């Protein structure tokens, strides 16, 4: 691709995302809905103005990293400690119920196979895809609504992070049974080591940032160093520990969330996010969608795949939330907030293609799930929070003037 074509694609994406975002806002829907639909409209499935490229994929990855870093910055550590055990149980249910639902769905369509057979693992892998939670869209929606830092928002964030870790462990187990060279317990060890590493190194980094913040308060060097930490932990999480890079970015935000200037860091991150990287990330979800080549059987399977994936998250996470004395409305918020699928589901699906556990024809079903969950969750969350006063601090002028 010629370098100047990149500028054309970015111009189309940013303009279309902002235009559709404003239209969504006029229709009382979150702007992220409009940005996702913009990607679908300008992508290969409809108008064909913009196609997928390695450059756009990397830009979208930066977008989700910045969103998760901002989410970590906005986390209240006291609330995190309070909801930690609850988040773990919610995450376990959010993995177990979709895993079972996906396995049964595939078996109902293509027959029940003997445990241990290759076809059985194909069925299980469909469930593994459903376990992933992409909290990025929920984060953006909760931020727009002013409820990201509340008790429910914090629980959703923490459960989603734990959910992805458990999902990766499950993925490794399934692949391990198919390929004896894989070592499933290595993932568990690496996960524990990552959080030990993050706690130890994070404490030292926090002390360094605290001194810098005290000596140079409210200066741009602090957000710049924070962004460097975000990228560094995202890289280390993936390369050294085999953990999703978004987990590393979120942990980087957690390390800095107690700083006096944490809001100032978040404000600077928001400028980069909503001006460029955010629209590219959300639009890229629409760009990935390919609607051609559907057979009636695949259409029926895809519809079932989407419904089972959405409903099982609500059932698993919502019912567990009820056990922890959350109200029906709060439990529904938690279940719906955990419904979104995104980059982790795509990574899992691509891994399945690589090892032969997933046929390429089902990849469109995954994309359809990402589109449906990404569009439905913001709308439903807006309805569930209707009439409730925002609990977060007022957002910056740049955020409120997203026009």
Protein backbone atom coordinates (compact mmCIF):
# COMPACT_ATOMS: atom_id res chain seq x y z
CA UNK A 1 0.00 0.00 0.00
CA UNK A 2 1.28 3.47 -0.93
CA UNK A 3 1.79 5.71 2.09
CA UNK A 4 -0.59 8.39 0.81
CA UNK A 5 -3.45 5.87 0.70
CA UNK A 6 -3.21 5.66 4.50
CA UNK A 7 -4.08 9.35 4.74
CA UNK A 8 -7.12 8.84 2.52
CA UNK A 9 -8.34 5.93 4.64
CA UNK A 10 -7.82 7.85 7.88
CA UNK A 11 -9.67 10.88 6.50
CA UNK A 12 -12.66 8.71 5.54
CA UNK A 13 -12.67 6.80 8.84
CA UNK A 14 -12.39 9.84 11.10
CA UNK A 15 -15.03 11.80 9.12
CA UNK A 16 -17.48 8.89 8.86
CA UNK A 17 -17.01 7.88 12.50
CA UNK A 18 -17.62 11.42 13.73
CA UNK A 19 -20.62 11.94 11.43
CA UNK A 20 -22.27 8.66 12.43
CA UNK A 21 -21.32 9.28 16.05
CA UNK A 22 -23.14 12.61 15.97
CA UNK A 23 -26.17 11.00 14.32
CA UNK A 24 -26.20 8.34 17.03
CA UNK A 25 -26.01 11.06 19.67
CA UNK A 26 -28.97 12.85 18.05
CA UNK A 27 -30.90 9.58 18.26
CA UNK A 28 -30.03 9.32 21.99
CA UNK A 29 -27.66 6.40 21.42
CA UNK A 30 -24.01 6.25 22.56
CA UNK A 31 -21.55 7.57 19.97
CA UNK A 32 -19.64 4.29 19.84
CA UNK A 33 -22.69 2.73 18.14
CA UNK A 34 -22.42 5.26 15.34
CA UNK A 35 -18.67 4.71 14.98
CA UNK A 36 -19.12 0.94 14.63
CA UNK A 37 -21.88 1.38 12.05
CA UNK A 38 -19.65 3.87 10.21
CA UNK A 39 -17.01 1.17 9.83
CA UNK A 40 -19.60 -1.24 8.47
CA UNK A 41 -20.88 1.33 5.94
CA UNK A 42 -17.49 2.40 4.57
CA UNK A 43 -16.06 -1.13 4.74
CA UNK A 44 -15.95 -3.90 2.12
CA UNK A 45 -19.45 -5.20 2.91
CA UNK A 46 -21.32 -2.01 1.86
CA UNK A 47 -19.62 0.93 0.14
CA UNK A 48 -16.09 -0.45 -0.06
CA UNK A 49 -14.37 2.89 0.51
CA UNK A 50 -11.89 1.47 3.04
CA UNK A 51 -10.43 -2.02 3.37
CA UNK A 52 -8.50 -3.73 6.13
CA UNK A 53 -4.75 -3.10 6.23
CA UNK A 54 -1.93 -3.91 8.63
CA UNK A 55 -1.63 -0.21 9.42
CA UNK A 56 -5.29 0.14 10.43
CA UNK A 57 -5.12 -3.07 12.46
CA UNK A 58 -2.18 -1.68 14.45
CA UNK A 59 -3.93 1.68 14.88
CA UNK A 60 -6.99 -0.10 16.23
CA UNK A 61 -4.79 -2.06 18.63
CA UNK A 62 -3.35 1.19 19.98
CA UNK A 63 -6.92 2.45 20.36
CA UNK A 64 -8.00 -0.43 22.58
CA UNK A 65 -4.75 -0.18 24.59
CA UNK A 66 -5.44 3.51 25.31
CA UNK A 67 -9.02 2.74 26.31
CA UNK A 68 -7.92 0.09 28.78
CA UNK A 69 -5.15 2.32 30.17
CA UNK A 70 -7.73 5.06 30.76
CA UNK A 71 -10.02 2.51 32.40
CA UNK A 72 -7.24 1.54 34.79
CA UNK A 73 -6.55 5.18 35.58
CA UNK A 74 -10.20 5.68 36.43
CA UNK A 75 -10.36 2.67 38.77
CA UNK A 76 -10.78 3.19 42.49
CA UNK A 77 -8.42 0.74 44.22
CA UNK A 78 -10.64 0.60 47.30
CA UNK A 79 -13.57 -0.47 45.16
CA UNK A 80 -11.27 -2.90 43.33
CA UNK A 81 -10.33 -4.62 46.59
CA UNK A 82 -13.97 -4.73 47.68
CA UNK A 83 -15.20 -6.26 44.41
CA UNK A 84 -12.14 -8.47 43.73
CA UNK A 85 -13.57 -11.76 45.10
CA UNK A 86 -16.98 -11.01 43.58
CA UNK A 87 -15.36 -10.17 40.23
CA UNK A 88 -13.54 -13.52 40.25
CA UNK A 89 -16.73 -15.50 40.83
CA UNK A 90 -18.64 -13.45 38.23
CA UNK A 91 -15.82 -14.03 35.73
CA UNK A 92 -15.81 -17.79 36.39
CA UNK A 93 -19.55 -17.94 35.69
CA UNK A 94 -19.02 -15.70 32.65
CA UNK A 95 -16.64 -18.32 31.25
CA UNK A 96 -18.33 -21.57 32.33
CA UNK A 97 -21.89 -20.87 31.10
CA UNK A 98 -20.92 -19.62 27.58
CA UNK A 99 -18.40 -22.49 27.26
CA UNK A 100 -21.16 -25.00 27.93
CA UNK A 101 -23.66 -23.13 25.75
CA UNK A 102 -21.32 -22.95 22.75
CA UNK A 103 -20.42 -26.64 23.01
CA UNK A 104 -24.09 -27.64 23.09
CA UNK A 105 -24.96 -25.30 20.19
CA UNK A 106 -22.37 -26.84 17.87
CA UNK A 107 -23.38 -30.35 18.93
CA UNK A 108 -27.06 -29.63 18.22
CA UNK A 109 -26.23 -28.47 14.69
CA UNK A 110 -23.62 -31.07 13.75
CA UNK A 111 -24.23 -33.96 16.13
CA UNK A 112 -22.88 -35.03 19.50
CA UNK A 113 -19.43 -36.62 19.32
CA UNK A 114 -17.52 -38.84 21.70
CA UNK A 115 -15.56 -37.02 24.38
CA UNK A 116 -11.94 -36.71 23.28
CA UNK A 117 -12.63 -36.88 19.55
CA UNK A 118 -11.51 -34.07 17.23
CA UNK A 119 -15.13 -33.15 16.51
CA UNK A 120 -15.78 -32.89 20.25
CA UNK A 121 -12.90 -30.41 20.61
CA UNK A 122 -14.31 -28.42 17.66
CA UNK A 123 -17.57 -28.12 19.59
CA UNK A 124 -15.72 -27.10 22.76
CA UNK A 125 -13.76 -24.52 20.81
CA UNK A 126 -16.98 -22.78 19.73
CA UNK A 127 -17.68 -22.39 23.43
CA UNK A 128 -14.15 -21.11 24.04
CA UNK A 129 -14.74 -18.29 21.55
CA UNK A 130 -17.87 -17.31 23.48
CA UNK A 131 -15.97 -17.03 26.78
CA UNK A 132 -14.05 -13.90 25.76
CA UNK A 133 -15.27 -10.51 26.98
CA UNK A 134 -14.23 -7.26 25.31
CA UNK A 135 -14.89 -4.60 27.92
CA UNK A 136 -13.57 -1.72 25.78
CA UNK A 137 -16.97 -0.80 24.36
CA UNK A 138 -18.61 -1.11 27.77
CA UNK A 139 -15.87 1.14 29.20
CA UNK A 140 -16.51 3.82 26.59
CA UNK A 141 -20.27 3.61 27.13
CA UNK A 142 -20.00 3.83 30.94
CA UNK A 143 -17.67 6.80 30.59
CA UNK A 144 -20.17 8.59 28.35
CA UNK A 145 -22.94 7.86 30.85
CA UNK A 146 -20.80 8.89 33.83
CA UNK A 147 -20.94 5.53 35.64
CA UNK A 148 -17.50 4.03 35.00
CA UNK A 149 -16.23 4.50 38.56
CA UNK A 150 -19.35 3.23 40.32
CA UNK A 151 -19.64 -0.11 42.11
CA UNK A 152 -21.24 -1.82 39.12
CA UNK A 153 -18.82 -0.35 36.59
CA UNK A 154 -15.80 -1.39 38.68
CA UNK A 155 -17.14 -4.94 39.03
CA UNK A 156 -17.68 -5.21 35.27
CA UNK A 157 -14.15 -3.99 34.58
CA UNK A 158 -12.51 -6.34 37.06
CA UNK A 159 -14.61 -9.33 36.04
CA UNK A 160 -13.84 -8.73 32.34
CA UNK A 161 -10.08 -8.65 32.99
CA UNK A 162 -10.26 -11.88 35.03
CA UNK A 163 -12.62 -13.34 32.42
CA UNK A 164 -10.04 -12.95 29.65
CA UNK A 165 -7.29 -14.50 31.76
CA UNK A 166 -9.47 -17.52 32.53
CA UNK A 167 -10.53 -17.69 28.87
CA UNK A 168 -6.89 -17.79 27.75
CA UNK A 169 -6.22 -20.60 30.22
CA UNK A 170 -9.21 -22.54 28.88
CA UNK A 171 -8.00 -21.95 25.31
CA UNK A 172 -4.58 -23.33 26.20
CA UNK A 173 -6.16 -26.40 27.80
CA UNK A 174 -8.26 -27.14 24.71
CA UNK A 175 -5.31 -26.70 22.36
CA UNK A 176 -3.17 -28.73 24.77
CA UNK A 177 -5.48 -31.71 24.52
CA UNK A 178 -5.27 -31.51 20.72
CA UNK A 179 -1.51 -30.92 20.62
CA UNK A 180 0.54 -32.74 23.31
CA UNK A 181 3.41 -30.26 22.81
CA UNK A 182 1.36 -27.52 24.45
CA UNK A 183 1.73 -27.13 28.23
CA UNK A 184 -1.54 -25.82 29.71
CA UNK A 185 -0.14 -25.32 33.22
CA UNK A 186 2.51 -22.98 31.84
CA UNK A 187 -0.22 -20.40 31.23
CA UNK A 188 -1.34 -20.60 34.87
CA UNK A 189 2.23 -20.15 36.08
CA UNK A 190 2.85 -17.25 33.69
CA UNK A 191 -0.36 -15.56 34.79
CA UNK A 192 0.60 -15.76 38.45
CA UNK A 193 4.11 -14.55 37.65
CA UNK A 194 2.74 -11.57 35.71
CA UNK A 195 0.64 -10.33 38.59
CA UNK A 196 3.50 -10.90 41.07
CA UNK A 197 5.76 -8.97 38.72
CA UNK A 198 3.16 -6.20 38.32
CA UNK A 199 2.69 -5.88 42.08
CA UNK A 200 6.41 -5.72 42.84
CA UNK A 201 7.56 -3.54 39.96
CA UNK A 202 4.35 -1.54 40.09
CA UNK A 203 4.98 -0.46 43.67
CA UNK A 204 8.44 0.82 42.72
CA UNK A 205 7.11 2.59 39.62
CA UNK A 206 4.33 4.18 41.65
CA UNK A 207 6.81 5.60 44.13
CA UNK A 208 8.91 7.05 41.30
CA UNK A 209 5.84 8.62 39.66
CA UNK A 210 4.68 9.94 43.02
CA UNK A 211 7.97 11.82 43.48
CA UNK A 212 7.89 13.17 39.93
CA UNK A 213 4.26 14.24 40.41
CA UNK A 214 5.16 16.02 43.63
CA UNK A 215 8.13 17.84 42.09
CA UNK A 216 6.57 18.61 38.70
CA UNK A 217 2.79 18.71 39.30
CA UNK A 218 0.44 18.98 36.35
CA UNK A 219 3.15 18.94 33.70
CA UNK A 220 3.02 17.04 30.43
CA UNK A 221 6.04 14.87 31.23
CA UNK A 222 3.82 12.87 33.62
CA UNK A 223 1.25 11.75 30.96
CA UNK A 224 4.10 11.05 28.53
CA UNK A 225 5.87 8.80 31.02
CA UNK A 226 2.53 7.19 31.88
CA UNK A 227 1.89 6.40 28.21
CA UNK A 228 5.35 4.85 27.98
CA UNK A 229 4.53 2.66 31.00
CA UNK A 230 1.25 1.64 29.37
CA UNK A 231 2.94 0.45 26.17
CA UNK A 232 5.76 -1.22 28.08
CA UNK A 233 3.44 -3.31 30.28
CA UNK A 234 1.24 -4.19 27.30
CA UNK A 235 4.35 -5.46 25.50
CA UNK A 236 5.71 -7.36 28.50
CA UNK A 237 2.34 -8.96 29.21
CA UNK A 238 2.18 -10.41 25.68
CA UNK A 239 5.81 -11.33 25.05
CA UNK A 240 7.10 -12.46 28.45
CA UNK A 241 3.98 -13.82 30.12
CA UNK A 242 1.59 -14.71 27.29
CA UNK A 243 -1.14 -12.51 28.79
CA UNK A 244 -3.39 -10.28 26.66
CA UNK A 245 -1.78 -6.88 26.04
CA UNK A 246 -4.97 -5.11 27.18
CA UNK A 247 -4.44 -6.64 30.63
CA UNK A 248 -0.98 -5.08 30.77
CA UNK A 249 -2.39 -1.70 29.75
CA UNK A 250 -5.11 -1.92 32.39
CA UNK A 251 -2.57 -2.83 35.08
CA UNK A 252 -0.46 0.18 34.04
CA UNK A 253 -3.49 2.38 34.69
CA UNK A 254 -4.03 0.71 38.07
CA UNK A 255 -0.44 1.47 39.08
CA UNK A 256 -0.98 5.18 38.43
CA UNK A 257 -4.64 5.54 39.45
CA UNK A 258 -3.80 6.72 42.99
CA UNK A 259 -1.54 9.55 41.83
CA UNK A 260 -2.66 13.09 42.58
CA UNK A 261 -2.50 13.85 38.84
CA UNK A 262 -4.16 10.62 37.64
CA UNK A 263 -7.11 12.61 36.28
CA UNK A 264 -4.69 14.85 34.39
CA UNK A 265 -3.03 11.79 32.81
CA UNK A 266 -6.46 10.40 31.88
CA UNK A 267 -7.46 13.73 30.31
CA UNK A 268 -4.41 13.71 28.04
CA UNK A 269 -5.04 10.09 27.07
CA UNK A 270 -8.65 10.95 26.21
CA UNK A 271 -7.52 13.55 23.66
CA UNK A 272 -5.50 10.97 21.73
CA UNK A 273 -8.21 8.36 22.11
CA UNK A 274 -11.31 10.21 20.96
CA UNK A 275 -9.56 12.27 18.27
CA UNK A 276 -8.00 9.37 16.34
CA UNK A 277 -7.31 6.00 17.91
CA UNK A 278 -10.78 5.49 19.38
CA UNK A 279 -12.68 6.09 16.11
CA UNK A 280 -10.24 3.85 14.22
CA UNK A 281 -10.70 1.05 16.77
CA UNK A 282 -14.49 1.15 16.78
CA UNK A 283 -14.75 1.63 13.02
CA UNK A 284 -12.38 -1.30 12.49
CA UNK A 285 -14.99 -3.63 14.00
CA UNK A 286 -17.31 -2.72 11.14
CA UNK A 287 -14.51 -2.93 8.58
CA UNK A 288 -13.83 -6.56 9.50
CA UNK A 289 -17.37 -7.64 8.70
CA UNK A 290 -17.89 -9.67 5.51
CA UNK A 291 -21.55 -10.39 4.82
CA UNK A 292 -21.20 -12.33 1.55
CA UNK A 293 -21.04 -16.12 1.21
CA UNK A 294 -23.64 -17.03 3.83
CA UNK A 295 -25.49 -20.34 3.27
CA UNK A 296 -28.89 -20.91 4.94
CA UNK A 297 -27.30 -23.39 7.36
CA UNK A 298 -24.51 -20.96 8.25
CA UNK A 299 -27.03 -18.16 8.70
CA UNK A 300 -29.04 -20.31 11.12
CA UNK A 301 -25.89 -21.32 13.01
CA UNK A 302 -24.69 -17.69 13.17
CA UNK A 303 -28.01 -16.50 14.58
CA UNK A 304 -27.87 -19.24 17.21
CA UNK A 305 -24.22 -18.45 17.89
CA UNK A 306 -25.00 -14.78 18.56
CA UNK A 307 -28.05 -15.49 20.72
CA UNK A 308 -26.36 -18.15 22.83
CA UNK A 309 -23.23 -16.04 23.29
CA UNK A 310 -25.23 -13.02 24.47
CA UNK A 311 -27.75 -14.82 26.64
CA UNK A 312 -25.23 -17.08 28.41
CA UNK A 313 -23.20 -14.06 29.58
CA UNK A 314 -26.32 -12.49 31.07
CA UNK A 315 -27.34 -15.76 32.73
CA UNK A 316 -23.90 -16.60 34.09
CA UNK A 317 -22.77 -13.16 35.26
CA UNK A 318 -26.21 -11.81 36.18
CA UNK A 319 -27.25 -14.75 38.36
CA UNK A 320 -23.94 -14.73 40.25
CA UNK A 321 -24.33 -10.99 40.83
CA UNK A 322 -27.73 -11.73 42.36
CA UNK A 323 -26.05 -14.14 44.79
CA UNK A 324 -23.93 -11.21 45.97
CA UNK A 325 -27.08 -9.23 46.82
CA UNK A 326 -27.08 -7.00 43.74
CA UNK A 327 -30.53 -5.81 42.70
CA UNK A 328 -32.21 -7.16 39.57
CA UNK A 329 -31.37 -3.96 37.69
CA UNK A 330 -27.71 -4.03 38.80
CA UNK A 331 -27.41 -7.73 37.95
CA UNK A 332 -28.78 -7.01 34.48
CA UNK A 333 -26.24 -4.19 34.03
CA UNK A 334 -23.42 -6.57 34.97
CA UNK A 335 -24.67 -9.30 32.63
CA UNK A 336 -25.15 -6.91 29.72
CA UNK A 337 -21.82 -5.19 30.41
CA UNK A 338 -20.06 -8.55 30.05
CA UNK A 339 -21.77 -9.38 26.73
CA UNK A 340 -19.43 -7.48 24.42
CA UNK A 341 -16.95 -9.41 22.31
CA UNK A 342 -14.06 -7.91 20.40
CA UNK A 343 -10.34 -8.31 19.90
CA UNK A 344 -9.92 -11.29 22.27
CA UNK A 345 -12.66 -13.27 20.50
CA UNK A 346 -10.93 -12.55 17.19
CA UNK A 347 -7.57 -13.65 18.58
CA UNK A 348 -9.10 -16.88 19.88
CA UNK A 349 -10.85 -17.55 16.55
CA UNK A 350 -7.65 -16.93 14.59
CA UNK A 351 -5.80 -19.32 16.90
CA UNK A 352 -8.46 -21.93 16.22
CA UNK A 353 -8.02 -21.49 12.48
CA UNK A 354 -4.25 -21.89 12.85
CA UNK A 355 -4.45 -25.18 14.78
CA UNK A 356 -7.36 -26.63 12.81
CA UNK A 357 -10.03 -26.40 15.50
CA UNK A 358 -12.18 -23.90 13.59
CA UNK A 359 -13.28 -23.84 9.96
CA UNK A 360 -12.91 -20.51 8.19
CA UNK A 361 -16.64 -20.40 7.42
CA UNK A 362 -17.40 -19.81 11.12
CA UNK A 363 -15.21 -16.73 11.26
CA UNK A 364 -18.04 -14.63 9.88
CA UNK A 365 -20.20 -15.82 12.79
CA UNK A 366 -17.60 -14.42 15.18
CA UNK A 367 -17.58 -11.09 13.35
CA UNK A 368 -21.40 -11.00 13.47
CA UNK A 369 -21.27 -11.60 17.23
CA UNK A 370 -18.79 -8.74 17.67
CA UNK A 371 -20.97 -6.39 15.62
CA UNK A 372 -24.23 -7.33 17.38
CA UNK A 373 -22.78 -7.20 20.89
CA UNK A 374 -20.93 -3.96 20.18
CA UNK A 375 -24.09 -2.26 18.93
CA UNK A 376 -26.58 -3.73 21.42
CA UNK A 377 -24.62 -3.31 24.65
CA UNK A 378 -24.31 0.51 24.54
CA UNK A 379 -27.99 0.86 23.69
CA UNK A 380 -29.16 -1.49 26.45
CA UNK A 381 -26.79 0.05 29.00
CA UNK A 382 -28.15 3.50 28.20
CA UNK A 383 -31.68 2.22 28.85
CA UNK A 384 -30.67 0.51 32.11
CA UNK A 385 -29.02 3.71 33.42
CA UNK A 386 -31.87 5.99 32.34
CA UNK A 387 -32.90 8.35 35.11
CA UNK A 388 -29.80 7.73 37.25
CA UNK A 389 -27.53 10.67 38.07
CA UNK A 390 -23.88 10.21 36.97
CA UNK A 391 -21.59 8.99 39.77
CA UNK A 392 -18.28 9.93 38.15
CA UNK A 393 -16.56 13.30 38.32
CA UNK A 394 -17.46 15.67 35.47
CA UNK A 395 -15.59 14.85 32.28
CA UNK A 396 -13.20 17.27 30.61
CA UNK A 397 -14.20 19.92 28.12
CA UNK A 398 -12.66 17.86 25.30
CA UNK A 399 -14.86 14.90 26.20
CA UNK A 400 -18.11 16.84 26.53
CA UNK A 401 -17.47 18.70 23.28
CA UNK A 402 -17.11 15.57 21.14
CA UNK A 403 -18.42 17.32 18.08
